[in-house]
C-alpha atoms as a PDB file:
ATOM      1  CA  UNK A   1       0.221   0.233  -0.268  1.00  0.00           C
ATOM      2  CA  UNK A   2       0.806   3.574  -0.744  1.00  0.00           C
ATOM      3  CA  UNK A   3       0.467   6.790   1.069  1.00  0.00           C
ATOM      4  CA  UNK A   4      -1.967   8.799  -1.410  1.00  0.00           C
ATOM      5  CA  UNK A   5      -3.681  11.223   1.062  1.00  0.00           C
ATOM      6  CA  UNK A   6      -5.363  12.641  -2.066  1.00  0.00           C
ATOM      7  CA  UNK A   7      -6.830   9.257  -3.130  1.00  0.00           C
ATOM      8  CA  UNK A   8     -10.796   9.965  -2.737  1.00  0.00           C
ATOM      9  CA  UNK A   9     -12.611   7.545  -0.153  1.00  0.00           C
ATOM     10  CA  UNK A  10     -13.561   3.714  -0.880  1.00  0.00           C
ATOM     11  CA  UNK A  11     -16.957   3.116  -2.231  1.00  0.00           C
ATOM     12  CA  UNK A  12     -19.727   3.006   0.676  1.00  0.00           C
ATOM     13  CA  UNK A  13     -20.408  -0.500   2.422  1.00  0.00           C
ATOM     14  CA  UNK A  14     -23.242  -1.532   4.583  1.00  0.00           C
ATOM     15  CA  UNK A  15     -22.800  -1.186   8.503  1.00  0.00           C
ATOM     16  CA  UNK A  16     -22.969  -5.122   8.443  1.00  0.00           C
ATOM     17  CA  UNK A  17     -19.441  -5.103   6.575  1.00  0.00           C
ATOM     18  CA  UNK A  18     -17.319  -3.073   9.106  1.00  0.00           C
ATOM     19  CA  UNK A  19     -19.365  -4.920  11.776  1.00  0.00           C
ATOM     20  CA  UNK A  20     -18.073  -8.065  10.419  1.00  0.00           C
ATOM     21  CA  UNK A  21     -14.071  -6.575  11.052  1.00  0.00           C
ATOM     22  CA  UNK A  22     -13.266  -7.814  14.483  1.00  0.00           C
ATOM     23  CA  UNK A  23     -10.823  -5.158  15.549  1.00  0.00           C
ATOM     24  CA  UNK A  24      -9.259  -5.590  19.067  1.00  0.00           C
ATOM     25  CA  UNK A  25      -6.932  -3.662  21.628  1.00  0.00           C
ATOM     26  CA  UNK A  26      -4.384  -5.467  23.107  1.00  0.00           C
ATOM     27  CA  UNK A  27      -0.921  -5.379  25.016  1.00  0.00           C
ATOM     28  CA  UNK A  28       2.386  -6.163  23.123  1.00  0.00           C
ATOM     29  CA  UNK A  29       3.768  -8.835  25.697  1.00  0.00           C
ATOM     30  CA  UNK A  30       6.974 -10.111  23.552  1.00  0.00           C
ATOM     31  CA  UNK A  31       8.815  -8.620  20.387  1.00  0.00           C
ATOM     32  CA  UNK A  32      11.245 -10.272  18.523  1.00  0.00           C
ATOM     33  CA  UNK A  33      13.085  -9.616  15.164  1.00  0.00           C
ATOM     34  CA  UNK A  34      12.039 -11.166  12.238  1.00  0.00           C
ATOM     35  CA  UNK A  35      15.318 -11.007  10.324  1.00  0.00           C
ATOM     36  CA  UNK A  36      13.740 -13.996   7.741  1.00  0.00           C
ATOM     37  CA  UNK A  37      11.095 -11.757   6.843  1.00  0.00           C
ATOM     38  CA  UNK A  38      11.214 -10.125   2.971  1.00  0.00           C
ATOM     39  CA  UNK A  39      10.828  -6.579   4.235  1.00  0.00           C
ATOM     40  CA  UNK A  40      11.903  -5.796   7.768  1.00  0.00           C
ATOM     41  CA  UNK A  41       9.442  -6.736  10.618  1.00  0.00           C
ATOM     42  CA  UNK A  42       9.269  -7.981  14.098  1.00  0.00           C
ATOM     43  CA  UNK A  43       7.169 -10.658  15.351  1.00  0.00           C
ATOM     44  CA  UNK A  44       4.708  -9.670  18.336  1.00  0.00           C
ATOM     45  CA  UNK A  45       3.004 -11.327  21.028  1.00  0.00           C
ATOM     46  CA  UNK A  46      -0.102  -9.519  21.652  1.00  0.00           C
ATOM     47  CA  UNK A  47      -2.302  -9.908  24.652  1.00  0.00           C
ATOM     48  CA  UNK A  48      -6.051  -9.679  23.953  1.00  0.00           C
ATOM     49  CA  UNK A  49      -7.741 -10.543  27.348  1.00  0.00           C
ATOM     50  CA  UNK A  50      -8.931 -13.613  28.192  1.00  0.00           C
ATOM     51  CA  UNK A  51     -11.969 -13.879  25.431  1.00  0.00           C
ATOM     52  CA  UNK A  52      -9.334 -14.058  22.598  1.00  0.00           C
ATOM     53  CA  UNK A  53      -6.009 -14.750  24.524  1.00  0.00           C
ATOM     54  CA  UNK A  54      -2.157 -13.880  23.396  1.00  0.00           C
ATOM     55  CA  UNK A  55      -2.116 -13.732  19.257  1.00  0.00           C
ATOM     56  CA  UNK A  56       1.286 -13.408  17.121  1.00  0.00           C
ATOM     57  CA  UNK A  57       1.570 -10.860  14.475  1.00  0.00           C
ATOM     58  CA  UNK A  58       4.247 -10.413  11.514  1.00  0.00           C
ATOM     59  CA  UNK A  59       4.256  -6.486  11.797  1.00  0.00           C
ATOM     60  CA  UNK A  60       6.387  -3.956   9.084  1.00  0.00           C
ATOM     61  CA  UNK A  61       7.094  -1.677  11.927  1.00  0.00           C
ATOM     62  CA  UNK A  62      10.942  -1.420  12.029  1.00  0.00           C
ATOM     63  CA  UNK A  63      11.465   2.617  11.238  1.00  0.00           C
ATOM     64  CA  UNK A  64       9.306   3.840  13.906  1.00  0.00           C
ATOM     65  CA  UNK A  65       9.586   1.628  17.074  1.00  0.00           C
ATOM     66  CA  UNK A  66      12.243  -0.400  18.617  1.00  0.00           C
ATOM     67  CA  UNK A  67      11.899  -3.740  20.273  1.00  0.00           C
ATOM     68  CA  UNK A  68      12.445  -2.088  23.541  1.00  0.00           C
ATOM     69  CA  UNK A  69       9.801  -0.007  23.523  1.00  0.00           C
ATOM     70  CA  UNK A  70       7.200  -1.959  22.229  1.00  0.00           C
ATOM     71  CA  UNK A  71       6.399  -4.173  25.124  1.00  0.00           C
ATOM     72  CA  UNK A  72       3.608  -2.698  27.029  1.00  0.00           C
ATOM     73  CA  UNK A  73       2.239  -0.628  24.277  1.00  0.00           C
ATOM     74  CA  UNK A  74      -1.455  -1.042  23.424  1.00  0.00           C
ATOM     75  CA  UNK A  75      -1.852  -1.292  19.439  1.00  0.00           C
ATOM     76  CA  UNK A  76      -5.252  -2.162  17.270  1.00  0.00           C
ATOM     77  CA  UNK A  77      -5.505  -5.605  15.571  1.00  0.00           C
ATOM     78  CA  UNK A  78      -7.745  -7.379  13.375  1.00  0.00           C
ATOM     79  CA  UNK A  79      -8.707 -10.375  15.261  1.00  0.00           C
ATOM     80  CA  UNK A  80     -10.968 -12.294  12.663  1.00  0.00           C
ATOM     81  CA  UNK A  81      -8.637 -12.568   9.359  1.00  0.00           C
ATOM     82  CA  UNK A  82      -7.325 -16.453   9.000  1.00  0.00           C
ATOM     83  CA  UNK A  83      -3.866 -16.964   9.785  1.00  0.00           C
ATOM     84  CA  UNK A  84      -1.329 -15.851   7.596  1.00  0.00           C
ATOM     85  CA  UNK A  85       1.617 -17.774   6.825  1.00  0.00           C
ATOM     86  CA  UNK A  86       4.811 -15.878   6.546  1.00  0.00           C
ATOM     87  CA  UNK A  87       7.606 -17.551   6.177  1.00  0.00           C
ATOM     88  CA  UNK A  88       7.986 -19.654   8.883  1.00  0.00           C
ATOM     89  CA  UNK A  89       5.863 -18.060  11.206  1.00  0.00           C
ATOM     90  CA  UNK A  90       2.179 -18.149  11.462  1.00  0.00           C
ATOM     91  CA  UNK A  91       0.876 -14.493  11.840  1.00  0.00           C
ATOM     92  CA  UNK A  92      -2.767 -14.998  13.819  1.00  0.00           C
ATOM     93  CA  UNK A  93      -3.636 -11.111  13.623  1.00  0.00           C
ATOM     94  CA  UNK A  94      -3.191  -8.170  11.735  1.00  0.00           C
ATOM     95  CA  UNK A  95      -1.683  -5.285  13.604  1.00  0.00           C
ATOM     96  CA  UNK A  96      -2.912  -2.017  12.503  1.00  0.00           C
ATOM     97  CA  UNK A  97      -1.285   1.403  11.165  1.00  0.00           C
ATOM     98  CA  UNK A  98      -1.349   4.183   9.043  1.00  0.00           C
ATOM     99  CA  UNK A  99       1.086   5.167   6.502  1.00  0.00           C
ATOM    100  CA  UNK A 100       3.406   8.285   7.416  1.00  0.00           C
ATOM    101  CA  UNK A 101       4.655  10.577   4.377  1.00  0.00           C
ATOM    102  CA  UNK A 102       7.381   7.980   3.171  1.00  0.00           C
ATOM    103  CA  UNK A 103       4.942   4.984   3.458  1.00  0.00           C
ATOM    104  CA  UNK A 104       6.147   3.798   6.848  1.00  0.00           C
ATOM    105  CA  UNK A 105       3.698   2.574   9.218  1.00  0.00           C
ATOM    106  CA  UNK A 106       2.675   4.419  12.377  1.00  0.00           C
ATOM    107  CA  UNK A 107       0.589   2.371  14.998  1.00  0.00           C
ATOM    108  CA  UNK A 108      -2.773   2.979  16.009  1.00  0.00           C
ATOM    109  CA  UNK A 109      -3.365   3.056  19.677  1.00  0.00           C
ATOM    110  CA  UNK A 110      -5.937   4.611  21.937  1.00  0.00           C
ATOM    111  CA  UNK A 111      -5.313   8.177  23.403  1.00  0.00           C
ATOM    112  CA  UNK A 112      -5.660   6.246  27.091  1.00  0.00           C
ATOM    113  CA  UNK A 113      -5.013   3.058  28.384  1.00  0.00           C
ATOM    114  CA  UNK A 114      -8.663   0.607  27.801  1.00  0.00           C
ATOM    115  CA  UNK A 115      -9.438  -2.770  28.752  1.00  0.00           C
ATOM    116  CA  UNK A 116      -7.103  -5.660  26.134  1.00  0.00           C
ATOM    117  CA  UNK A 117      -9.839  -7.405  23.899  1.00  0.00           C
ATOM    118  CA  UNK A 118     -11.919  -3.748  24.072  1.00  0.00           C
ATOM    119  CA  UNK A 119     -13.703  -3.945  20.420  1.00  0.00           C
ATOM    120  CA  UNK A 120     -13.613  -0.663  17.916  1.00  0.00           C
ATOM    121  CA  UNK A 121     -17.189   0.192  17.271  1.00  0.00           C
END
């Protein structure tokens, strides 16, 4: 994906399409290098609370984030996409972010702490 702030909004969708995407908040409990990835990435373990549990994610966030600052950070992720094999790593959730002016990922997070597992609405 590329950063194009001038791009028009996507076509309208029915609210049921939005409601089908389960976006939750979780806290990063572990972060590891992912040198085997084609594009620079980290392997994250994210705690989404008792309803979803701890899930793994490959995240291309190496430009703005360091492993030492990720643990304890809350992040938003889609938790109901099918797992995706990335090399030898199974990514279970899609960690969400926006591209900056260079196309590098800036994570989505709440402005203040919310319970792990809280769902976006």
